[in-house]
Structure formats: C-alpha cells, structure tokens
Amino acid sequence: MNTTWQLILTKNHLNLNEYGLVLKNSNSSSIMRCWFGLIAKKLWANAIKHSDHINTGSKNSCHINCDKNFAQHLLIEASFLQQLCAQQFNIHKDLASNGMTINCVAAEILLFIRMTQQHPSREIITQIMDLTLRGNHDYEHPLNLLQEMRLIQKICYQDQSYYDKNPYPHCHVYDPENQTIYDYNNNLNLNKYRLIPNLTNPIM
C-alpha cells in the first residue's frame, strides 16, 4: 500500500478538551481535514476496522497510515456523517425556523455546541472552527445570531464567554483549576467550584 496519508487521533487535541482526528499528507505534513468530538471518534472507529496496524504514538494519540483511496473514502464518509449529525440535531431545521438562510459557519458552530460535552469558551470555538472550516471566517456575528434566536446561551464570567446548548437560563459553576464551567447540580462541592449566578447575559 502506498502510504502517503496519516490519520491521527488525539484525546485532547491542542488542549481543546475534545477528541481530534486529523487527516494529513505524510510527505508534506500538510493537513487535509480535521474533525472533533463524537464525529472524530466515530470516523476513527470505522477507519480502524479497515486497517491492519494501529501505531501508538503516546498514551494520548495514535495513528494509522493509509493510501489515497482510503483517504478519499474517509472524506466521503465524513461528509455523510456530518449531514446525518446535522439532521439528528435539527441544525438546518432550527436555523430555517428562525429565518436564517443557509449559513455554513452558523450551522457548524451550532452543531459543535450541541454535540460537545463541554461548555466551550469563545476561544475554543474559534480555534476549532478555524481548524474545521479552514478559512478566515467571522464567528462573532453567527454566535450573536444564535444567541438572539435562543438556540444557545452565552455565559459571561471573568472576561470570558462560554456557550451552552441549553438556551434556557440556569445556574452554572466555574472550575478555576481547569478554567471551564459546568451546569450546577446539588452534588457539586462548592468549595472547589465557584457558583455563577443565573443571569440573562447581554450580547457582547
């Protein structure tokens, strides 16, 4: 097999708190595509079914070598999976019901927020969208539109903005050690976390 491509899975890709899957050219090291979260894990699970050997680079990453046909098949599969996830999470339906025409950036952001297990910060969203969409895009405007449509919620804390798939106001806590936020529940130790009041945050 002419192995000119590498498919690399990383548990915490670039410290973004997400699984990351990267398809890159092993000769030039140029990156063809990136996927994150559940989509990355599903694509990897299907890919290793057709690979004879998995190379373990470290405890947090592994990769397989593949040829051009494998890479092309992966890109087609990723496109179908992306469409399936968009349908399952009602991305285009909810955008259309709010009067938004097809907007690739807004759709990608909303899909990521609805699929992720974290409350991503604006910085994390920006980095992941840069890697996913591979271009110079404005994320401020679509994030504000999604908030105005009540499709997501923005939580402001310590000069940082975080986003929640649940658009309805509810309490959160801040983890100063990991600089992340979580939904509040009665089992959390508030000696470790800081309670964020349930406030309606202005669009910034």
C-alpha atoms as a PDB file:
ATOM      1  CA  MET A   1       0.000   0.000   0.000  1.00  0.00           C
ATOM      2  CA  ASN A   2       1.298   3.435  -0.965  1.00  0.00           C
ATOM      3  CA  THR A   3       1.053   5.130   2.426  1.00  0.00           C
ATOM      4  CA  THR A   4       1.043   8.838   1.639  1.00  0.00           C
ATOM      5  CA  TRP A   5      -1.539   9.791   4.255  1.00  0.00           C
ATOM      6  CA  GLN A   6      -1.815   9.606   8.024  1.00  0.00           C
ATOM      7  CA  LEU A   7      -4.967   9.581  10.128  1.00  0.00           C
ATOM      8  CA  ILE A   8      -4.181  10.732  13.676  1.00  0.00           C
ATOM      9  CA  LEU A   9      -6.494  10.583  16.688  1.00  0.00           C
ATOM     10  CA  THR A  10      -5.661  12.683  19.752  1.00  0.00           C
ATOM     11  CA  LYS A  11      -7.596  12.540  23.022  1.00  0.00           C
ATOM     12  CA  ASN A  12      -7.225  16.219  23.926  1.00  0.00           C
ATOM     13  CA  HIS A  13      -6.313  17.839  20.644  1.00  0.00           C
ATOM     14  CA  LEU A  14      -4.320  21.051  21.168  1.00  0.00           C
ATOM     15  CA  ASN A  15      -5.724  21.206  24.730  1.00  0.00           C
ATOM     16  CA  LEU A  16      -9.193  21.993  23.339  1.00  0.00           C
ATOM     17  CA  ASN A  17     -10.898  19.412  25.597  1.00  0.00           C
ATOM     18  CA  GLU A  18     -12.047  17.421  22.565  1.00  0.00           C
ATOM     19  CA  TYR A  19     -11.025  14.323  20.663  1.00  0.00           C
ATOM     20  CA  GLY A  20      -9.396  15.460  17.431  1.00  0.00           C
ATOM     21  CA  LEU A  21      -8.957  13.485  14.223  1.00  0.00           C
ATOM     22  CA  VAL A  22      -6.537  14.828  11.624  1.00  0.00           C
ATOM     23  CA  LEU A  23      -6.003  13.626   8.066  1.00  0.00           C
ATOM     24  CA  LYS A  24      -2.662  14.852   6.790  1.00  0.00           C
ATOM     25  CA  ASN A  25      -0.238  14.181   3.964  1.00  0.00           C
ATOM     26  CA  SER A  26       2.700  12.301   5.444  1.00  0.00           C
ATOM     27  CA  ASN A  27       5.081  13.617   2.768  1.00  0.00           C
ATOM     28  CA  SER A  28       4.382  17.328   3.143  1.00  0.00           C
ATOM     29  CA  SER A  29       2.795  17.261   6.627  1.00  0.00           C
ATOM     30  CA  SER A  30       0.005  19.456   5.230  1.00  0.00           C
ATOM     31  CA  ILE A  31      -3.366  18.932   6.927  1.00  0.00           C
ATOM     32  CA  MET A  32      -6.277  17.990   4.681  1.00  0.00           C
ATOM     33  CA  ARG A  33      -9.108  17.925   7.233  1.00  0.00           C
ATOM     34  CA  CYS A  34      -9.838  17.986  10.968  1.00  0.00           C
ATOM     35  CA  TRP A  35     -12.811  16.628  12.892  1.00  0.00           C
ATOM     36  CA  PHE A  36     -13.643  16.910  16.576  1.00  0.00           C
ATOM     37  CA  GLY A  37     -15.634  15.249  19.334  1.00  0.00           C
ATOM     38  CA  LEU A  38     -18.101  12.471  18.577  1.00  0.00           C
ATOM     39  CA  ILE A  39     -17.637  12.809  14.826  1.00  0.00           C
ATOM     40  CA  ALA A  40     -13.891  12.265  15.250  1.00  0.00           C
ATOM     41  CA  LYS A  41     -14.459   9.185  17.422  1.00  0.00           C
ATOM     42  CA  LYS A  42     -17.000   7.663  15.018  1.00  0.00           C
ATOM     43  CA  LEU A  43     -14.781   8.199  11.973  1.00  0.00           C
ATOM     44  CA  TRP A  44     -11.808   6.670  13.800  1.00  0.00           C
ATOM     45  CA  ALA A  45     -13.843   3.653  14.930  1.00  0.00           C
ATOM     46  CA  ASN A  46     -14.854   2.952  11.334  1.00  0.00           C
ATOM     47  CA  ALA A  47     -11.369   3.609   9.975  1.00  0.00           C
ATOM     48  CA  ILE A  48      -9.573   1.123  12.216  1.00  0.00           C
ATOM     49  CA  LYS A  49     -11.903  -1.650  11.041  1.00  0.00           C
ATOM     50  CA  HIS A  50     -10.138  -1.427   7.683  1.00  0.00           C
ATOM     51  CA  SER A  51      -6.583  -1.026   8.968  1.00  0.00           C
ATOM     52  CA  ASP A  52      -4.105  -3.809   9.697  1.00  0.00           C
ATOM     53  CA  HIS A  53      -1.985  -1.884  12.171  1.00  0.00           C
ATOM     54  CA  ILE A  54      -2.547   0.983  14.605  1.00  0.00           C
ATOM     55  CA  ASN A  55       0.533   2.967  15.603  1.00  0.00           C
ATOM     56  CA  THR A  56       0.512   4.266  19.167  1.00  0.00           C
ATOM     57  CA  GLY A  57       2.499   7.482  19.400  1.00  0.00           C
ATOM     58  CA  SER A  58       1.725   8.153  23.064  1.00  0.00           C
ATOM     59  CA  LYS A  59      -0.955   7.400  25.638  1.00  0.00           C
ATOM     60  CA  ASN A  60      -2.990  10.280  24.234  1.00  0.00           C
ATOM     61  CA  SER A  61      -2.631   9.715  20.496  1.00  0.00           C
ATOM     62  CA  CYS A  62      -2.453   7.021  17.847  1.00  0.00           C
ATOM     63  CA  HIS A  63      -2.428   6.927  14.052  1.00  0.00           C
ATOM     64  CA  ILE A  64      -2.799   4.739  11.016  1.00  0.00           C
ATOM     65  CA  ASN A  65      -1.079   5.053   7.661  1.00  0.00           C
ATOM     66  CA  CYS A  66      -3.329   4.996   4.617  1.00  0.00           C
ATOM     67  CA  ASP A  67      -3.313   5.388   0.862  1.00  0.00           C
ATOM     68  CA  LYS A  68      -5.147   7.810  -1.410  1.00  0.00           C
ATOM     69  CA  ASN A  69      -8.193   5.565  -1.880  1.00  0.00           C
ATOM     70  CA  PHE A  70      -8.581   5.155   1.890  1.00  0.00           C
ATOM     71  CA  ALA A  71      -8.335   8.924   2.371  1.00  0.00           C
ATOM     72  CA  GLN A  72     -10.921   9.600  -0.337  1.00  0.00           C
ATOM     73  CA  HIS A  73     -13.303   7.059   1.166  1.00  0.00           C
ATOM     74  CA  LEU A  74     -12.838   8.679   4.590  1.00  0.00           C
ATOM     75  CA  LEU A  75     -13.683  12.143   3.232  1.00  0.00           C
ATOM     76  CA  ILE A  76     -16.878  10.829   1.627  1.00  0.00           C
ATOM     77  CA  GLU A  77     -17.856   9.024   4.832  1.00  0.00           C
ATOM     78  CA  ALA A  78     -17.154  12.172   6.879  1.00  0.00           C
ATOM     79  CA  SER A  79     -19.417  14.222   4.605  1.00  0.00           C
ATOM     80  CA  PHE A  80     -22.302  11.768   5.029  1.00  0.00           C
ATOM     81  CA  LEU A  81     -21.741  11.591   8.796  1.00  0.00           C
ATOM     82  CA  GLN A  82     -21.714  15.387   9.059  1.00  0.00           C
ATOM     83  CA  GLN A  83     -25.039  15.567   7.215  1.00  0.00           C
ATOM     84  CA  LEU A  84     -26.520  12.826   9.391  1.00  0.00           C
ATOM     85  CA  CYS A  85     -25.485  14.583  12.599  1.00  0.00           C
ATOM     86  CA  ALA A  86     -26.857  17.902  11.314  1.00  0.00           C
ATOM     87  CA  GLN A  87     -30.167  16.178  10.677  1.00  0.00           C
ATOM     88  CA  GLN A  88     -30.233  14.390  14.042  1.00  0.00           C
ATOM     89  CA  PHE A  89     -29.504  17.615  15.918  1.00  0.00           C
ATOM     90  CA  ASN A  90     -32.049  19.638  13.868  1.00  0.00           C
ATOM     91  CA  ILE A  91     -29.423  22.153  12.760  1.00  0.00           C
ATOM     92  CA  HIS A  92     -30.857  23.344   9.443  1.00  0.00           C
ATOM     93  CA  LYS A  93     -34.453  22.967  10.627  1.00  0.00           C
ATOM     94  CA  ASP A  94     -33.895  25.229  13.640  1.00  0.00           C
ATOM     95  CA  LEU A  95     -31.932  27.792  11.640  1.00  0.00           C
ATOM     96  CA  ALA A  96     -34.622  27.882   8.945  1.00  0.00           C
ATOM     97  CA  SER A  97     -37.423  28.209  11.503  1.00  0.00           C
ATOM     98  CA  ASN A  98     -35.701  31.350  12.754  1.00  0.00           C
ATOM     99  CA  GLY A  99     -35.496  32.821   9.281  1.00  0.00           C
ATOM    100  CA  MET A 100     -31.804  32.165   8.670  1.00  0.00           C
ATOM    101  CA  THR A 101     -30.822  31.150   5.160  1.00  0.00           C
ATOM    102  CA  ILE A 102     -28.133  28.513   4.683  1.00  0.00           C
ATOM    103  CA  ASN A 103     -25.113  29.676   6.678  1.00  0.00           C
ATOM    104  CA  CYS A 104     -22.227  27.213   6.822  1.00  0.00           C
ATOM    105  CA  VAL A 105     -20.444  28.929   9.710  1.00  0.00           C
ATOM    106  CA  ALA A 106     -23.543  29.230  11.924  1.00  0.00           C
ATOM    107  CA  ALA A 107     -24.507  25.619  11.156  1.00  0.00           C
ATOM    108  CA  GLU A 108     -21.023  24.324  12.043  1.00  0.00           C
ATOM    109  CA  ILE A 109     -20.951  26.308  15.294  1.00  0.00           C
ATOM    110  CA  LEU A 110     -24.422  25.176  16.346  1.00  0.00           C
ATOM    111  CA  LEU A 111     -23.648  21.527  15.535  1.00  0.00           C
ATOM    112  CA  PHE A 112     -20.440  21.649  17.555  1.00  0.00           C
ATOM    113  CA  ILE A 113     -22.113  23.265  20.576  1.00  0.00           C
ATOM    114  CA  ARG A 114     -24.985  20.762  20.503  1.00  0.00           C
ATOM    115  CA  MET A 115     -22.676  17.743  20.193  1.00  0.00           C
ATOM    116  CA  THR A 116     -19.927  18.690  22.630  1.00  0.00           C
ATOM    117  CA  GLN A 117     -19.906  17.580  26.259  1.00  0.00           C
ATOM    118  CA  GLN A 118     -18.314  20.834  27.394  1.00  0.00           C
ATOM    119  CA  HIS A 119     -19.446  24.443  27.656  1.00  0.00           C
ATOM    120  CA  PRO A 120     -16.896  25.734  25.159  1.00  0.00           C
ATOM    121  CA  SER A 121     -15.349  29.144  25.524  1.00  0.00           C
ATOM    122  CA  ARG A 122     -15.329  31.563  22.615  1.00  0.00           C
ATOM    123  CA  GLU A 123     -11.592  30.910  22.287  1.00  0.00           C
ATOM    124  CA  ILE A 124     -12.128  27.144  21.939  1.00  0.00           C
ATOM    125  CA  ILE A 125     -14.928  27.641  19.413  1.00  0.00           C
ATOM    126  CA  THR A 126     -12.722  29.954  17.364  1.00  0.00           C
ATOM    127  CA  GLN A 127      -9.803  27.514  17.308  1.00  0.00           C
ATOM    128  CA  ILE A 128     -11.975  24.515  16.432  1.00  0.00           C
ATOM    129  CA  MET A 129     -13.836  26.371  13.687  1.00  0.00           C
ATOM    130  CA  ASP A 130     -10.548  27.625  12.227  1.00  0.00           C
ATOM    131  CA  LEU A 131      -9.324  24.022  12.015  1.00  0.00           C
ATOM    132  CA  THR A 132     -12.659  22.651  10.764  1.00  0.00           C
ATOM    133  CA  LEU A 133     -13.613  25.280   8.191  1.00  0.00           C
ATOM    134  CA  ARG A 134     -10.055  26.044   7.051  1.00  0.00           C
ATOM    135  CA  GLY A 135     -10.556  29.694   6.229  1.00  0.00           C
ATOM    136  CA  ASN A 136     -10.823  33.220   7.511  1.00  0.00           C
ATOM    137  CA  HIS A 137     -14.318  33.439   8.986  1.00  0.00           C
ATOM    138  CA  ASP A 138     -16.166  35.752  11.347  1.00  0.00           C
ATOM    139  CA  TYR A 139     -17.531  33.845  14.352  1.00  0.00           C
ATOM    140  CA  GLU A 140     -18.736  36.805  16.424  1.00  0.00           C
ATOM    141  CA  HIS A 141     -21.739  37.555  14.245  1.00  0.00           C
ATOM    142  CA  PRO A 142     -23.098  33.984  13.936  1.00  0.00           C
ATOM    143  CA  LEU A 143     -22.600  33.389  17.673  1.00  0.00           C
ATOM    144  CA  ASN A 144     -24.611  36.513  18.439  1.00  0.00           C
ATOM    145  CA  LEU A 145     -27.322  35.479  15.966  1.00  0.00           C
ATOM    146  CA  LEU A 146     -27.591  32.018  17.514  1.00  0.00           C
ATOM    147  CA  GLN A 147     -27.942  33.620  20.924  1.00  0.00           C
ATOM    148  CA  GLU A 148     -30.584  36.073  19.668  1.00  0.00           C
ATOM    149  CA  MET A 149     -32.533  33.137  18.227  1.00  0.00           C
ATOM    150  CA  ARG A 150     -32.425  31.427  21.648  1.00  0.00           C
ATOM    151  CA  LEU A 151     -30.676  28.406  20.118  1.00  0.00           C
ATOM    152  CA  ILE A 152     -27.733  28.697  22.513  1.00  0.00           C
ATOM    153  CA  GLN A 153     -26.974  30.514  25.741  1.00  0.00           C
ATOM    154  CA  LYS A 154     -23.945  32.674  26.470  1.00  0.00           C
ATOM    155  CA  ILE A 155     -22.484  32.732  29.977  1.00  0.00           C
ATOM    156  CA  CYS A 156     -20.069  35.552  30.798  1.00  0.00           C
ATOM    157  CA  TYR A 157     -17.595  35.077  33.609  1.00  0.00           C
ATOM    158  CA  GLN A 158     -14.242  36.726  34.363  1.00  0.00           C
ATOM    159  CA  ASP A 159     -13.982  38.473  30.983  1.00  0.00           C
ATOM    160  CA  GLN A 160     -14.577  35.198  29.152  1.00  0.00           C
ATOM    161  CA  SER A 161     -17.625  33.975  27.250  1.00  0.00           C
ATOM    162  CA  TYR A 162     -18.820  30.372  27.364  1.00  0.00           C
ATOM    163  CA  TYR A 163     -21.650  28.757  25.417  1.00  0.00           C
ATOM    164  CA  ASP A 164     -24.307  26.257  26.427  1.00  0.00           C
ATOM    165  CA  LYS A 165     -26.512  24.118  24.178  1.00  0.00           C
ATOM    166  CA  ASN A 166     -29.354  24.660  26.670  1.00  0.00           C
ATOM    167  CA  PRO A 167     -30.699  28.135  25.789  1.00  0.00           C
ATOM    168  CA  TYR A 168     -32.808  28.474  28.932  1.00  0.00           C
ATOM    169  CA  PRO A 169     -31.340  30.306  31.961  1.00  0.00           C
ATOM    170  CA  HIS A 170     -29.964  28.007  34.664  1.00  0.00           C
ATOM    171  CA  CYS A 171     -27.099  28.048  37.163  1.00  0.00           C
ATOM    172  CA  HIS A 172     -23.510  27.169  36.328  1.00  0.00           C
ATOM    173  CA  VAL A 173     -20.299  26.728  38.265  1.00  0.00           C
ATOM    174  CA  TYR A 174     -16.780  27.726  37.336  1.00  0.00           C
ATOM    175  CA  ASP A 175     -13.815  25.394  37.803  1.00  0.00           C
ATOM    176  CA  PRO A 176     -10.791  27.678  38.410  1.00  0.00           C
ATOM    177  CA  GLU A 177      -8.312  24.817  38.103  1.00  0.00           C
ATOM    178  CA  ASN A 178      -9.368  23.854  34.577  1.00  0.00           C
ATOM    179  CA  GLN A 179     -10.876  27.233  33.649  1.00  0.00           C
ATOM    180  CA  THR A 180     -14.108  25.621  32.495  1.00  0.00           C
ATOM    181  CA  ILE A 181     -17.757  25.847  33.505  1.00  0.00           C
ATOM    182  CA  TYR A 182     -20.365  23.165  34.210  1.00  0.00           C
ATOM    183  CA  ASP A 183     -24.078  23.016  34.885  1.00  0.00           C
ATOM    184  CA  TYR A 184     -24.781  23.345  38.579  1.00  0.00           C
ATOM    185  CA  ASN A 185     -26.148  20.352  40.464  1.00  0.00           C
ATOM    186  CA  ASN A 186     -26.622  19.635  44.154  1.00  0.00           C
ATOM    187  CA  ASN A 187     -23.811  17.044  44.238  1.00  0.00           C
ATOM    188  CA  LEU A 188     -21.063  19.513  43.345  1.00  0.00           C
ATOM    189  CA  ASN A 189     -18.600  20.592  46.012  1.00  0.00           C
ATOM    190  CA  LEU A 190     -18.811  24.377  46.017  1.00  0.00           C
ATOM    191  CA  ASN A 191     -15.516  24.554  47.887  1.00  0.00           C
ATOM    192  CA  LYS A 192     -13.894  23.540  44.615  1.00  0.00           C
ATOM    193  CA  TYR A 193     -16.173  25.445  42.227  1.00  0.00           C
ATOM    194  CA  ARG A 194     -17.472  28.996  42.120  1.00  0.00           C
ATOM    195  CA  LEU A 195     -21.192  29.473  41.652  1.00  0.00           C
ATOM    196  CA  ILE A 196     -22.167  31.632  38.662  1.00  0.00           C
ATOM    197  CA  PRO A 197     -25.493  33.372  39.287  1.00  0.00           C
ATOM    198  CA  ASN A 198     -28.381  32.656  36.959  1.00  0.00           C
ATOM    199  CA  LEU A 199     -28.323  35.849  34.926  1.00  0.00           C
ATOM    200  CA  THR A 200     -29.520  36.800  31.487  1.00  0.00           C
ATOM    201  CA  ASN A 201     -26.323  37.821  29.739  1.00  0.00           C
ATOM    202  CA  PRO A 202     -26.252  40.707  27.252  1.00  0.00           C
ATOM    203  CA  ILE A 203     -24.969  40.164  23.737  1.00  0.00           C
ATOM    204  CA  MET A 204     -21.383  41.330  23.575  1.00  0.00           C
END
